[in-house]
Amino acid sequence: MQDEKTGLITVTRVSAAKDMKSAVVWVSVLASQVSPASVVKKIKSKSRLIQNELWQKMSTRNVPNLAFKLDENPEYVERIEEILKEIGS
């Protein structure tokens, strides 16, 4: 998903059900020109495409249904920003 307005989208964690039929994908949004909630809404609208990509790359029988949520935990966001700064140096 490439869009200059969405900024940097990072998957911070994934919680999958034991049966792998569903998973919650937590994302953080940095340097976005639109609200993080709007970015998550856009990701949700593309969830079938994302699931199809996963199906092509995973070696499992089933691909979980994905639910996307905004990770608003400031510790995760701060750590990601630190790592990005280190990489950019």
PDB file of N, CA and C in Angstrom:
ATOM      1  N   MET A   1       0.847  -1.165   0.000  1.00  0.00           N
ATOM      2  CA  MET A   1       0.000   0.000   0.000  1.00  0.00           C
ATOM      3  C   MET A   1       0.896   1.231   0.000  1.00  0.00           C
ATOM      4  N   GLN A   2       0.998   1.875  -1.121  1.00  0.00           N
ATOM      5  CA  GLN A   2       1.861   3.038  -1.216  1.00  0.00           C
ATOM      6  C   GLN A   2       1.024   4.286  -1.439  1.00  0.00           C
ATOM      7  N   ASP A   3       1.182   5.208  -0.518  1.00  0.00           N
ATOM      8  CA  ASP A   3       0.476   6.468  -0.595  1.00  0.00           C
ATOM      9  C   ASP A   3       1.278   7.462   0.237  1.00  0.00           C
ATOM     10  N   GLU A   4       1.676   8.546  -0.371  1.00  0.00           N
ATOM     11  CA  GLU A   4       2.509   9.527   0.328  1.00  0.00           C
ATOM     12  C   GLU A   4       1.813  10.086   1.568  1.00  0.00           C
ATOM     13  N   LYS A   5       0.507  10.185   1.539  1.00  0.00           N
ATOM     14  CA  LYS A   5      -0.232  10.782   2.649  1.00  0.00           C
ATOM     15  C   LYS A   5      -0.270   9.905   3.895  1.00  0.00           C
ATOM     16  N   THR A   6      -0.136   8.585   3.717  1.00  0.00           N
ATOM     17  CA  THR A   6      -0.270   7.689   4.864  1.00  0.00           C
ATOM     18  C   THR A   6       0.972   7.659   5.741  1.00  0.00           C
ATOM     19  N   GLY A   7       2.091   8.095   5.252  1.00  0.00           N
ATOM     20  CA  GLY A   7       3.313   8.080   6.043  1.00  0.00           C
ATOM     21  C   GLY A   7       3.863   6.679   6.185  1.00  0.00           C
ATOM     22  N   LEU A   8       4.518   6.416   7.303  1.00  0.00           N
ATOM     23  CA  LEU A   8       5.143   5.123   7.565  1.00  0.00           C
ATOM     24  C   LEU A   8       4.214   4.286   8.427  1.00  0.00           C
ATOM     25  N   ILE A   9       3.842   3.137   7.922  1.00  0.00           N
ATOM     26  CA  ILE A   9       2.976   2.212   8.653  1.00  0.00           C
ATOM     27  C   ILE A   9       3.845   1.049   9.114  1.00  0.00           C
ATOM     28  N   THR A  10       3.801   0.758  10.414  1.00  0.00           N
ATOM     29  CA  THR A  10       4.609  -0.312  10.975  1.00  0.00           C
ATOM     30  C   THR A  10       3.717  -1.278  11.737  1.00  0.00           C
ATOM     31  N   VAL A  11       3.887  -2.565  11.483  1.00  0.00           N
ATOM     32  CA  VAL A  11       3.195  -3.582  12.276  1.00  0.00           C
ATOM     33  C   VAL A  11       3.992  -3.730  13.566  1.00  0.00           C
ATOM     34  N   THR A  12       3.344  -3.444  14.700  1.00  0.00           N
ATOM     35  CA  THR A  12       4.043  -3.494  15.977  1.00  0.00           C
ATOM     36  C   THR A  12       3.851  -4.822  16.692  1.00  0.00           C
ATOM     37  N   ARG A  13       2.732  -5.496  16.419  1.00  0.00           N
ATOM     38  CA  ARG A  13       2.509  -6.821  17.000  1.00  0.00           C
ATOM     39  C   ARG A  13       1.319  -7.478  16.314  1.00  0.00           C
ATOM     40  N   VAL A  14       1.259  -8.787  16.461  1.00  0.00           N
ATOM     41  CA  VAL A  14       0.156  -9.571  15.900  1.00  0.00           C
ATOM     42  C   VAL A  14      -0.265 -10.584  16.950  1.00  0.00           C
ATOM     43  N   SER A  15      -1.559 -10.659  17.183  1.00  0.00           N
ATOM     44  CA  SER A  15      -2.108 -11.647  18.107  1.00  0.00           C
ATOM     45  C   SER A  15      -3.007 -12.578  17.306  1.00  0.00           C
ATOM     46  N   ALA A  16      -2.570 -13.816  17.139  1.00  0.00           N
ATOM     47  CA  ALA A  16      -3.339 -14.780  16.358  1.00  0.00           C
ATOM     48  C   ALA A  16      -4.079 -15.742  17.286  1.00  0.00           C
ATOM     49  N   ALA A  17      -5.259 -16.143  16.853  1.00  0.00           N
ATOM     50  CA  ALA A  17      -6.015 -17.150  17.587  1.00  0.00           C
ATOM     51  C   ALA A  17      -5.295 -18.488  17.470  1.00  0.00           C
ATOM     52  N   LYS A  18      -5.521 -19.365  18.421  1.00  0.00           N
ATOM     53  CA  LYS A  18      -4.842 -20.672  18.415  1.00  0.00           C
ATOM     54  C   LYS A  18      -5.155 -21.467  17.158  1.00  0.00           C
ATOM     55  N   ASP A  19      -6.379 -21.333  16.643  1.00  0.00           N
ATOM     56  CA  ASP A  19      -6.753 -22.076  15.442  1.00  0.00           C
ATOM     57  C   ASP A  19      -6.329 -21.364  14.155  1.00  0.00           C
ATOM     58  N   MET A  20      -5.689 -20.209  14.294  1.00  0.00           N
ATOM     59  CA  MET A  20      -5.187 -19.405  13.162  1.00  0.00           C
ATOM     60  C   MET A  20      -6.292 -18.945  12.197  1.00  0.00           C
ATOM     61  N   LYS A  21      -7.528 -18.888  12.688  1.00  0.00           N
ATOM     62  CA  LYS A  21      -8.617 -18.432  11.829  1.00  0.00           C
ATOM     63  C   LYS A  21      -8.786 -16.922  11.879  1.00  0.00           C
ATOM     64  N   SER A  22      -8.223 -16.303  12.900  1.00  0.00           N
ATOM     65  CA  SER A  22      -8.309 -14.848  13.000  1.00  0.00           C
ATOM     66  C   SER A  22      -7.053 -14.312  13.680  1.00  0.00           C
ATOM     67  N   ALA A  23      -6.778 -13.047  13.406  1.00  0.00           N
ATOM     68  CA  ALA A  23      -5.618 -12.392  14.017  1.00  0.00           C
ATOM     69  C   ALA A  23      -5.874 -10.895  14.096  1.00  0.00           C
ATOM     70  N   VAL A  24      -5.358 -10.301  15.150  1.00  0.00           N
ATOM     71  CA  VAL A  24      -5.406  -8.852  15.297  1.00  0.00           C
ATOM     72  C   VAL A  24      -4.015  -8.328  14.976  1.00  0.00           C
ATOM     73  N   VAL A  25      -3.958  -7.375  14.066  1.00  0.00           N
ATOM     74  CA  VAL A  25      -2.697  -6.781  13.642  1.00  0.00           C
ATOM     75  C   VAL A  25      -2.672  -5.349  14.167  1.00  0.00           C
ATOM     76  N   TRP A  26      -1.737  -5.070  15.047  1.00  0.00           N
ATOM     77  CA  TRP A  26      -1.590  -3.740  15.620  1.00  0.00           C
ATOM     78  C   TRP A  26      -0.592  -2.959  14.772  1.00  0.00           C
ATOM     79  N   VAL A  27      -0.963  -1.752  14.375  1.00  0.00           N
ATOM     80  CA  VAL A  27      -0.095  -0.923  13.545  1.00  0.00           C
ATOM     81  C   VAL A  27       0.103   0.450  14.178  1.00  0.00           C
ATOM     82  N   SER A  28       1.261   1.021  13.910  1.00  0.00           N
ATOM     83  CA  SER A  28       1.507   2.409  14.290  1.00  0.00           C
ATOM     84  C   SER A  28       1.697   3.197  12.998  1.00  0.00           C
ATOM     85  N   VAL A  29       1.370   4.466  13.069  1.00  0.00           N
ATOM     86  CA  VAL A  29       1.444   5.332  11.899  1.00  0.00           C
ATOM     87  C   VAL A  29       2.298   6.536  12.262  1.00  0.00           C
ATOM     88  N   LEU A  30       3.350   6.760  11.484  1.00  0.00           N
ATOM     89  CA  LEU A  30       4.250   7.885  11.733  1.00  0.00           C
ATOM     90  C   LEU A  30       4.304   8.788  10.508  1.00  0.00           C
ATOM     91  N   ALA A  31       4.458  10.063  10.725  1.00  0.00           N
ATOM     92  CA  ALA A  31       4.652  11.056   9.664  1.00  0.00           C
ATOM     93  C   ALA A  31       3.525  11.030   8.633  1.00  0.00           C
ATOM     94  N   SER A  32       2.310  10.885   9.111  1.00  0.00           N
ATOM     95  CA  SER A  32       1.164  10.838   8.212  1.00  0.00           C
ATOM     96  C   SER A  32       0.572  12.224   8.014  1.00  0.00           C
ATOM     97  N   GLN A  33       0.110  12.485   6.793  1.00  0.00           N
ATOM     98  CA  GLN A  33      -0.563  13.750   6.494  1.00  0.00           C
ATOM     99  C   GLN A  33      -2.048  13.680   6.830  1.00  0.00           C
ATOM    100  N   VAL A  34      -2.532  12.479   7.130  1.00  0.00           N
ATOM    101  CA  VAL A  34      -3.922  12.279   7.528  1.00  0.00           C
ATOM    102  C   VAL A  34      -3.935  11.628   8.907  1.00  0.00           C
ATOM    103  N   SER A  35      -5.091  11.572   9.529  1.00  0.00           N
ATOM    104  CA  SER A  35      -5.155  11.022  10.882  1.00  0.00           C
ATOM    105  C   SER A  35      -4.822   9.531  10.881  1.00  0.00           C
ATOM    106  N   PRO A  36      -4.196   9.052  11.953  1.00  0.00           N
ATOM    107  CA  PRO A  36      -3.896   7.624  12.042  1.00  0.00           C
ATOM    108  C   PRO A  36      -5.149   6.755  11.901  1.00  0.00           C
ATOM    109  N   ALA A  37      -6.272   7.225  12.432  1.00  0.00           N
ATOM    110  CA  ALA A  37      -7.523   6.464  12.305  1.00  0.00           C
ATOM    111  C   ALA A  37      -7.929   6.315  10.839  1.00  0.00           C
ATOM    112  N   SER A  38      -7.690   7.345  10.048  1.00  0.00           N
ATOM    113  CA  SER A  38      -7.994   7.265   8.610  1.00  0.00           C
ATOM    114  C   SER A  38      -7.094   6.260   7.913  1.00  0.00           C
ATOM    115  N   VAL A  39      -5.853   6.201   8.337  1.00  0.00           N
ATOM    116  CA  VAL A  39      -4.909   5.244   7.750  1.00  0.00           C
ATOM    117  C   VAL A  39      -5.362   3.820   8.061  1.00  0.00           C
ATOM    118  N   VAL A  40      -5.745   3.575   9.315  1.00  0.00           N
ATOM    119  CA  VAL A  40      -6.211   2.242   9.697  1.00  0.00           C
ATOM    120  C   VAL A  40      -7.471   1.877   8.915  1.00  0.00           C
ATOM    121  N   LYS A  41      -8.340   2.831   8.722  1.00  0.00           N
ATOM    122  CA  LYS A  41      -9.561   2.591   7.939  1.00  0.00           C
ATOM    123  C   LYS A  41      -9.202   2.176   6.510  1.00  0.00           C
ATOM    124  N   LYS A  42      -8.200   2.837   5.936  1.00  0.00           N
ATOM    125  CA  LYS A  42      -7.757   2.493   4.591  1.00  0.00           C
ATOM    126  C   LYS A  42      -7.152   1.084   4.563  1.00  0.00           C
ATOM    127  N   ILE A  43      -6.364   0.749   5.584  1.00  0.00           N
ATOM    128  CA  ILE A  43      -5.786  -0.592   5.667  1.00  0.00           C
ATOM    129  C   ILE A  43      -6.900  -1.629   5.745  1.00  0.00           C
ATOM    130  N   LYS A  44      -7.909  -1.363   6.572  1.00  0.00           N
ATOM    131  CA  LYS A  44      -9.036  -2.293   6.698  1.00  0.00           C
ATOM    132  C   LYS A  44      -9.721  -2.506   5.353  1.00  0.00           C
ATOM    133  N   SER A  45      -9.825  -1.462   4.556  1.00  0.00           N
ATOM    134  CA  SER A  45     -10.472  -1.595   3.250  1.00  0.00           C
ATOM    135  C   SER A  45      -9.656  -2.464   2.292  1.00  0.00           C
ATOM    136  N   LYS A  46      -8.370  -2.612   2.584  1.00  0.00           N
ATOM    137  CA  LYS A  46      -7.472  -3.424   1.756  1.00  0.00           C
ATOM    138  C   LYS A  46      -7.193  -4.795   2.377  1.00  0.00           C
ATOM    139  N   SER A  47      -7.931  -5.166   3.412  1.00  0.00           N
ATOM    140  CA  SER A  47      -7.607  -6.394   4.143  1.00  0.00           C
ATOM    141  C   SER A  47      -7.693  -7.647   3.272  1.00  0.00           C
ATOM    142  N   ARG A  48      -8.627  -7.720   2.341  1.00  0.00           N
ATOM    143  CA  ARG A  48      -8.712  -8.895   1.454  1.00  0.00           C
ATOM    144  C   ARG A  48      -7.464  -9.010   0.585  1.00  0.00           C
ATOM    145  N   LEU A  49      -6.993  -7.894   0.080  1.00  0.00           N
ATOM    146  CA  LEU A  49      -5.772  -7.885  -0.723  1.00  0.00           C
ATOM    147  C   LEU A  49      -4.580  -8.341   0.125  1.00  0.00           C
ATOM    148  N   ILE A  50      -4.501  -7.858   1.340  1.00  0.00           N
ATOM    149  CA  ILE A  50      -3.411  -8.227   2.246  1.00  0.00           C
ATOM    150  C   ILE A  50      -3.480  -9.722   2.563  1.00  0.00           C
ATOM    151  N   GLN A  51      -4.688 -10.232   2.841  1.00  0.00           N
ATOM    152  CA  GLN A  51      -4.853 -11.654   3.116  1.00  0.00           C
ATOM    153  C   GLN A  51      -4.448 -12.498   1.904  1.00  0.00           C
ATOM    154  N   ASN A  52      -4.784 -12.048   0.717  1.00  0.00           N
ATOM    155  CA  ASN A  52      -4.398 -12.767  -0.492  1.00  0.00           C
ATOM    156  C   ASN A  52      -2.880 -12.819  -0.629  1.00  0.00           C
ATOM    157  N   GLU A  53      -2.207 -11.707  -0.359  1.00  0.00           N
ATOM    158  CA  GLU A  53      -0.738 -11.675  -0.401  1.00  0.00           C
ATOM    159  C   GLU A  53      -0.156 -12.658   0.618  1.00  0.00           C
ATOM    160  N   LEU A  54      -0.729 -12.675   1.820  1.00  0.00           N
ATOM    161  CA  LEU A  54      -0.250 -13.609   2.843  1.00  0.00           C
ATOM    162  C   LEU A  54      -0.465 -15.047   2.407  1.00  0.00           C
ATOM    163  N   TRP A  55      -1.612 -15.330   1.808  1.00  0.00           N
ATOM    164  CA  TRP A  55      -1.913 -16.685   1.355  1.00  0.00           C
ATOM    165  C   TRP A  55      -0.871 -17.164   0.353  1.00  0.00           C
ATOM    166  N   GLN A  56      -0.432 -16.262  -0.520  1.00  0.00           N
ATOM    167  CA  GLN A  56       0.564 -16.624  -1.524  1.00  0.00           C
ATOM    168  C   GLN A  56       1.937 -16.889  -0.905  1.00  0.00           C
ATOM    169  N   LYS A  57       2.220 -16.274   0.238  1.00  0.00           N
ATOM    170  CA  LYS A  57       3.552 -16.381   0.833  1.00  0.00           C
ATOM    171  C   LYS A  57       3.640 -17.362   2.006  1.00  0.00           C
ATOM    172  N   MET A  58       2.500 -17.676   2.613  1.00  0.00           N
ATOM    173  CA  MET A  58       2.517 -18.566   3.783  1.00  0.00           C
ATOM    174  C   MET A  58       2.399 -20.021   3.365  1.00  0.00           C
ATOM    175  N   SER A  59       2.986 -20.882   4.157  1.00  0.00           N
ATOM    176  CA  SER A  59       2.909 -22.313   3.862  1.00  0.00           C
ATOM    177  C   SER A  59       1.934 -23.014   4.811  1.00  0.00           C
ATOM    178  N   THR A  60       0.863 -22.327   5.149  1.00  0.00           N
ATOM    179  CA  THR A  60      -0.160 -22.912   6.014  1.00  0.00           C
ATOM    180  C   THR A  60      -1.424 -23.166   5.204  1.00  0.00           C
ATOM    181  N   ARG A  61      -2.260 -24.006   5.743  1.00  0.00           N
ATOM    182  CA  ARG A  61      -3.504 -24.345   5.052  1.00  0.00           C
ATOM    183  C   ARG A  61      -4.463 -23.154   5.036  1.00  0.00           C
ATOM    184  N   ASN A  62      -4.550 -22.444   6.149  1.00  0.00           N
ATOM    185  CA  ASN A  62      -5.470 -21.314   6.268  1.00  0.00           C
ATOM    186  C   ASN A  62      -4.710 -20.018   6.544  1.00  0.00           C
ATOM    187  N   VAL A  63      -5.264 -18.945   6.037  1.00  0.00           N
ATOM    188  CA  VAL A  63      -4.754 -17.617   6.356  1.00  0.00           C
ATOM    189  C   VAL A  63      -5.798 -16.964   7.247  1.00  0.00           C
ATOM    190  N   PRO A  64      -5.372 -16.404   8.361  1.00  0.00           N
ATOM    191  CA  PRO A  64      -6.355 -15.841   9.281  1.00  0.00           C
ATOM    192  C   PRO A  64      -7.074 -14.619   8.713  1.00  0.00           C
ATOM    193  N   ASN A  65      -8.316 -14.431   9.180  1.00  0.00           N
ATOM    194  CA  ASN A  65      -9.016 -13.183   8.909  1.00  0.00           C
ATOM    195  C   ASN A  65      -8.331 -12.117   9.756  1.00  0.00           C
ATOM    196  N   LEU A  66      -8.004 -11.012   9.144  1.00  0.00           N
ATOM    197  CA  LEU A  66      -7.226  -9.989   9.825  1.00  0.00           C
ATOM    198  C   LEU A  66      -8.106  -8.839  10.297  1.00  0.00           C
ATOM    199  N   ALA A  67      -7.881  -8.434  11.529  1.00  0.00           N
ATOM    200  CA  ALA A  67      -8.510  -7.234  12.084  1.00  0.00           C
ATOM    201  C   ALA A  67      -7.376  -6.272  12.403  1.00  0.00           C
ATOM    202  N   PHE A  68      -7.455  -5.068  11.894  1.00  0.00           N
ATOM    203  CA  PHE A  68      -6.389  -4.084  12.099  1.00  0.00           C
ATOM    204  C   PHE A  68      -6.803  -3.084  13.164  1.00  0.00           C
ATOM    205  N   LYS A  69      -5.866  -2.792  14.060  1.00  0.00           N
ATOM    206  CA  LYS A  69      -6.112  -1.819  15.125  1.00  0.00           C
ATOM    207  C   LYS A  69      -4.910  -0.897  15.251  1.00  0.00           C
ATOM    208  N   LEU A  70      -5.200   0.316  15.615  1.00  0.00           N
ATOM    209  CA  LEU A  70      -4.152   1.312  15.819  1.00  0.00           C
ATOM    210  C   LEU A  70      -3.480   1.072  17.153  1.00  0.00           C
ATOM    211  N   ASP A  71      -2.166   0.941  17.132  1.00  0.00           N
ATOM    212  CA  ASP A  71      -1.400   0.783  18.365  1.00  0.00           C
ATOM    213  C   ASP A  71      -1.053   2.166  18.870  1.00  0.00           C
ATOM    214  N   GLU A  72      -1.705   2.540  19.925  1.00  0.00           N
ATOM    215  CA  GLU A  72      -1.483   3.879  20.473  1.00  0.00           C
ATOM    216  C   GLU A  72      -0.576   3.849  21.699  1.00  0.00           C
ATOM    217  N   ASN A  73       0.108   2.742  21.888  1.00  0.00           N
ATOM    218  CA  ASN A  73       1.024   2.616  23.002  1.00  0.00           C
ATOM    219  C   ASN A  73       2.244   3.484  22.719  1.00  0.00           C
ATOM    220  N   PRO A  74       2.434   4.547  23.463  1.00  0.00           N
ATOM    221  CA  PRO A  74       3.541   5.463  23.169  1.00  0.00           C
ATOM    222  C   PRO A  74       4.924   4.828  23.291  1.00  0.00           C
ATOM    223  N   GLU A  75       5.071   3.796  24.108  1.00  0.00           N
ATOM    224  CA  GLU A  75       6.374   3.141  24.237  1.00  0.00           C
ATOM    225  C   GLU A  75       6.777   2.471  22.930  1.00  0.00           C
ATOM    226  N   TYR A  76       5.837   1.801  22.271  1.00  0.00           N
ATOM    227  CA  TYR A  76       6.124   1.189  20.974  1.00  0.00           C
ATOM    228  C   TYR A  76       6.505   2.255  19.960  1.00  0.00           C
ATOM    229  N   VAL A  77       5.720   3.305  19.917  1.00  0.00           N
ATOM    230  CA  VAL A  77       5.955   4.365  18.937  1.00  0.00           C
ATOM    231  C   VAL A  77       7.314   5.009  19.179  1.00  0.00           C
ATOM    232  N   GLU A  78       7.632   5.306  20.430  1.00  0.00           N
ATOM    233  CA  GLU A  78       8.924   5.913  20.748  1.00  0.00           C
ATOM    234  C   GLU A  78      10.077   5.001  20.340  1.00  0.00           C
ATOM    235  N   ARG A  79       9.963   3.722  20.626  1.00  0.00           N
ATOM    236  CA  ARG A  79      11.039   2.777  20.293  1.00  0.00           C
ATOM    237  C   ARG A  79      11.229   2.678  18.783  1.00  0.00           C
ATOM    238  N   ILE A  80      10.138   2.644  18.051  1.00  0.00           N
ATOM    239  CA  ILE A  80      10.221   2.585  16.591  1.00  0.00           C
ATOM    240  C   ILE A  80      10.887   3.840  16.052  1.00  0.00           C
ATOM    241  N   GLU A  81      10.521   4.998  16.595  1.00  0.00           N
ATOM    242  CA  GLU A  81      11.140   6.252  16.160  1.00  0.00           C
ATOM    243  C   GLU A  81      12.636   6.246  16.444  1.00  0.00           C
ATOM    244  N   GLU A  82      13.039   5.712  17.604  1.00  0.00           N
ATOM    245  CA  GLU A  82      14.460   5.622  17.947  1.00  0.00           C
ATOM    246  C   GLU A  82      15.213   4.749  16.939  1.00  0.00           C
ATOM    247  N   ILE A  83      14.635   3.612  16.625  1.00  0.00           N
ATOM    248  CA  ILE A  83      15.275   2.689  15.681  1.00  0.00           C
ATOM    249  C   ILE A  83      15.413   3.346  14.313  1.00  0.00           C
ATOM    250  N   LEU A  84      14.373   4.034  13.868  1.00  0.00           N
ATOM    251  CA  LEU A  84      14.412   4.695  12.574  1.00  0.00           C
ATOM    252  C   LEU A  84      15.482   5.783  12.537  1.00  0.00           C
ATOM    253  N   LYS A  85      15.649   6.503  13.635  1.00  0.00           N
ATOM    254  CA  LYS A  85      16.678   7.534  13.709  1.00  0.00           C
ATOM    255  C   LYS A  85      18.061   6.903  13.641  1.00  0.00           C
ATOM    256  N   GLU A  86      18.231   5.774  14.329  1.00  0.00           N
ATOM    257  CA  GLU A  86      19.522   5.077  14.310  1.00  0.00           C
ATOM    258  C   GLU A  86      19.859   4.590  12.904  1.00  0.00           C
ATOM    259  N   ILE A  87      18.863   4.078  12.218  1.00  0.00           N
ATOM    260  CA  ILE A  87      19.086   3.580  10.862  1.00  0.00           C
ATOM    261  C   ILE A  87      19.438   4.731   9.927  1.00  0.00           C
ATOM    262  N   GLY A  88      18.788   5.870  10.127  1.00  0.00           N
ATOM    263  CA  GLY A  88      19.021   7.028   9.268  1.00  0.00           C
ATOM    264  C   GLY A  88      20.338   7.740   9.522  1.00  0.00           C
ATOM    265  N   SER A  89      20.977   7.443  10.641  1.00  0.00           N
ATOM    266  CA  SER A  89      22.245   8.109  10.978  1.00  0.00           C
ATOM    267  C   SER A  89      23.409   7.547  10.242  1.00  0.00           C
TER     268      SER A  89
END
